[in-house]
């Protein structure tokens, strides 16, 4: 990562990068395993892997609830987190 300052100001993940970089260079461990939490935070900020997995898990439960309610004859609507209608 470069300076972290772009055309529109500071990158939103730059503070996480600074934390990881500080941990990495101050670590006495050659594998830098003590910096894993800081690295995970930085990668989550960049790619949202955990957030996406959580949204998919919530959507799967919603679909199951919808299928069960349809079988029981009750009314259960699916909540869309992406702005789409229905499922």
C-alpha atoms as a PDB file:
ATOM      1  CA  UNK A   1       0.000   0.000   0.000  1.00  0.00           C
ATOM      2  CA  UNK A   2       1.262   3.436  -0.801  1.00  0.00           C
ATOM      3  CA  UNK A   3       0.721   6.475   1.393  1.00  0.00           C
ATOM      4  CA  UNK A   4      -2.981   5.771   1.912  1.00  0.00           C
ATOM      5  CA  UNK A   5      -3.916   9.223   0.726  1.00  0.00           C
ATOM      6  CA  UNK A   6      -5.657   9.374  -2.606  1.00  0.00           C
ATOM      7  CA  UNK A   7      -7.588  11.843  -4.705  1.00  0.00           C
ATOM      8  CA  UNK A   8     -10.541  11.895  -2.300  1.00  0.00           C
ATOM      9  CA  UNK A   9      -8.537  11.835   0.916  1.00  0.00           C
ATOM     10  CA  UNK A  10      -7.430   9.031   3.193  1.00  0.00           C
ATOM     11  CA  UNK A  11      -8.414   5.484   2.254  1.00  0.00           C
ATOM     12  CA  UNK A  12     -10.972   3.985   4.672  1.00  0.00           C
ATOM     13  CA  UNK A  13      -8.728   0.965   5.324  1.00  0.00           C
ATOM     14  CA  UNK A  14      -5.523   2.911   5.843  1.00  0.00           C
ATOM     15  CA  UNK A  15      -5.799   2.979   9.676  1.00  0.00           C
ATOM     16  CA  UNK A  16      -6.044  -0.830   9.656  1.00  0.00           C
ATOM     17  CA  UNK A  17      -2.999  -0.998   7.388  1.00  0.00           C
ATOM     18  CA  UNK A  18      -1.049   1.251   9.760  1.00  0.00           C
ATOM     19  CA  UNK A  19      -1.960  -0.978  12.722  1.00  0.00           C
ATOM     20  CA  UNK A  20      -0.854  -4.087  10.850  1.00  0.00           C
ATOM     21  CA  UNK A  21       2.357  -2.455   9.634  1.00  0.00           C
ATOM     22  CA  UNK A  22       3.230  -1.231  13.119  1.00  0.00           C
ATOM     23  CA  UNK A  23       2.640  -4.709  14.555  1.00  0.00           C
ATOM     24  CA  UNK A  24       4.622  -6.354  11.753  1.00  0.00           C
ATOM     25  CA  UNK A  25       7.722  -4.220  12.220  1.00  0.00           C
ATOM     26  CA  UNK A  26       7.631  -4.303  16.020  1.00  0.00           C
ATOM     27  CA  UNK A  27       7.127  -8.075  16.178  1.00  0.00           C
ATOM     28  CA  UNK A  28       9.997 -10.208  17.440  1.00  0.00           C
ATOM     29  CA  UNK A  29       8.454 -13.366  16.014  1.00  0.00           C
ATOM     30  CA  UNK A  30       9.832 -14.289  12.568  1.00  0.00           C
ATOM     31  CA  UNK A  31       6.459 -15.642  11.427  1.00  0.00           C
ATOM     32  CA  UNK A  32       4.618 -12.503  12.665  1.00  0.00           C
ATOM     33  CA  UNK A  33       1.816 -14.761  13.919  1.00  0.00           C
ATOM     34  CA  UNK A  34       1.038 -12.277  16.691  1.00  0.00           C
ATOM     35  CA  UNK A  35      -0.093  -9.843  13.983  1.00  0.00           C
ATOM     36  CA  UNK A  36      -2.832 -12.133  12.652  1.00  0.00           C
ATOM     37  CA  UNK A  37      -5.724 -10.153  14.204  1.00  0.00           C
ATOM     38  CA  UNK A  38      -4.462  -6.880  12.714  1.00  0.00           C
ATOM     39  CA  UNK A  39      -3.999  -8.562   9.325  1.00  0.00           C
ATOM     40  CA  UNK A  40      -7.518 -10.027   9.484  1.00  0.00           C
ATOM     41  CA  UNK A  41      -8.984  -6.611  10.297  1.00  0.00           C
ATOM     42  CA  UNK A  42      -7.189  -5.045   7.347  1.00  0.00           C
ATOM     43  CA  UNK A  43      -8.271  -7.764   4.907  1.00  0.00           C
ATOM     44  CA  UNK A  44     -11.853  -7.610   6.201  1.00  0.00           C
ATOM     45  CA  UNK A  45     -11.878  -3.876   5.589  1.00  0.00           C
ATOM     46  CA  UNK A  46     -10.687  -4.411   2.022  1.00  0.00           C
ATOM     47  CA  UNK A  47     -12.782  -7.405   0.980  1.00  0.00           C
ATOM     48  CA  UNK A  48     -15.642  -7.826   3.517  1.00  0.00           C
ATOM     49  CA  UNK A  49     -15.331 -11.645   3.539  1.00  0.00           C
ATOM     50  CA  UNK A  50     -16.877 -12.056   6.996  1.00  0.00           C
ATOM     51  CA  UNK A  51     -19.625  -9.549   6.319  1.00  0.00           C
ATOM     52  CA  UNK A  52     -20.590 -11.271   3.064  1.00  0.00           C
ATOM     53  CA  UNK A  53     -20.600 -14.685   4.767  1.00  0.00           C
ATOM     54  CA  UNK A  54     -22.862 -13.360   7.515  1.00  0.00           C
ATOM     55  CA  UNK A  55     -25.302 -11.819   5.014  1.00  0.00           C
ATOM     56  CA  UNK A  56     -25.445 -15.101   3.092  1.00  0.00           C
ATOM     57  CA  UNK A  57     -26.125 -17.034   6.299  1.00  0.00           C
ATOM     58  CA  UNK A  58     -28.943 -14.637   7.215  1.00  0.00           C
ATOM     59  CA  UNK A  59     -30.423 -14.938   3.723  1.00  0.00           C
ATOM     60  CA  UNK A  60     -30.295 -18.739   3.905  1.00  0.00           C
ATOM     61  CA  UNK A  61     -32.224 -18.718   7.182  1.00  0.00           C
ATOM     62  CA  UNK A  62     -34.730 -16.292   5.686  1.00  0.00           C
ATOM     63  CA  UNK A  63     -35.270 -18.619   2.732  1.00  0.00           C
ATOM     64  CA  UNK A  64     -35.773 -21.574   5.099  1.00  0.00           C
ATOM     65  CA  UNK A  65     -38.288 -19.598   7.152  1.00  0.00           C
ATOM     66  CA  UNK A  66     -40.101 -18.587   3.971  1.00  0.00           C
ATOM     67  CA  UNK A  67     -40.285 -22.190   2.765  1.00  0.00           C
ATOM     68  CA  UNK A  68     -41.559 -23.379   6.177  1.00  0.00           C
ATOM     69  CA  UNK A  69     -44.182 -20.629   6.352  1.00  0.00           C
ATOM     70  CA  UNK A  70     -45.372 -21.404   2.849  1.00  0.00           C
ATOM     71  CA  UNK A  71     -45.752 -25.078   3.804  1.00  0.00           C
ATOM     72  CA  UNK A  72     -47.686 -24.102   6.966  1.00  0.00           C
ATOM     73  CA  UNK A  73     -49.825 -21.552   5.165  1.00  0.00           C
ATOM     74  CA  UNK A  74     -48.588 -18.597   7.225  1.00  0.00           C
ATOM     75  CA  UNK A  75     -47.339 -15.335   5.774  1.00  0.00           C
ATOM     76  CA  UNK A  76     -43.569 -14.791   6.061  1.00  0.00           C
ATOM     77  CA  UNK A  77     -41.886 -12.236   3.845  1.00  0.00           C
ATOM     78  CA  UNK A  78     -38.252 -12.394   2.819  1.00  0.00           C
ATOM     79  CA  UNK A  79     -36.236  -9.341   3.763  1.00  0.00           C
ATOM     80  CA  UNK A  80     -33.841  -8.352   1.020  1.00  0.00           C
ATOM     81  CA  UNK A  81     -30.583  -6.805   2.150  1.00  0.00           C
ATOM     82  CA  UNK A  82     -29.556  -5.967  -1.404  1.00  0.00           C
ATOM     83  CA  UNK A  83     -32.643  -4.034  -2.449  1.00  0.00           C
ATOM     84  CA  UNK A  84     -34.061  -6.849  -4.606  1.00  0.00           C
ATOM     85  CA  UNK A  85     -37.721  -7.747  -4.315  1.00  0.00           C
ATOM     86  CA  UNK A  86     -38.599 -11.296  -3.288  1.00  0.00           C
ATOM     87  CA  UNK A  87     -36.103 -14.089  -3.386  1.00  0.00           C
END
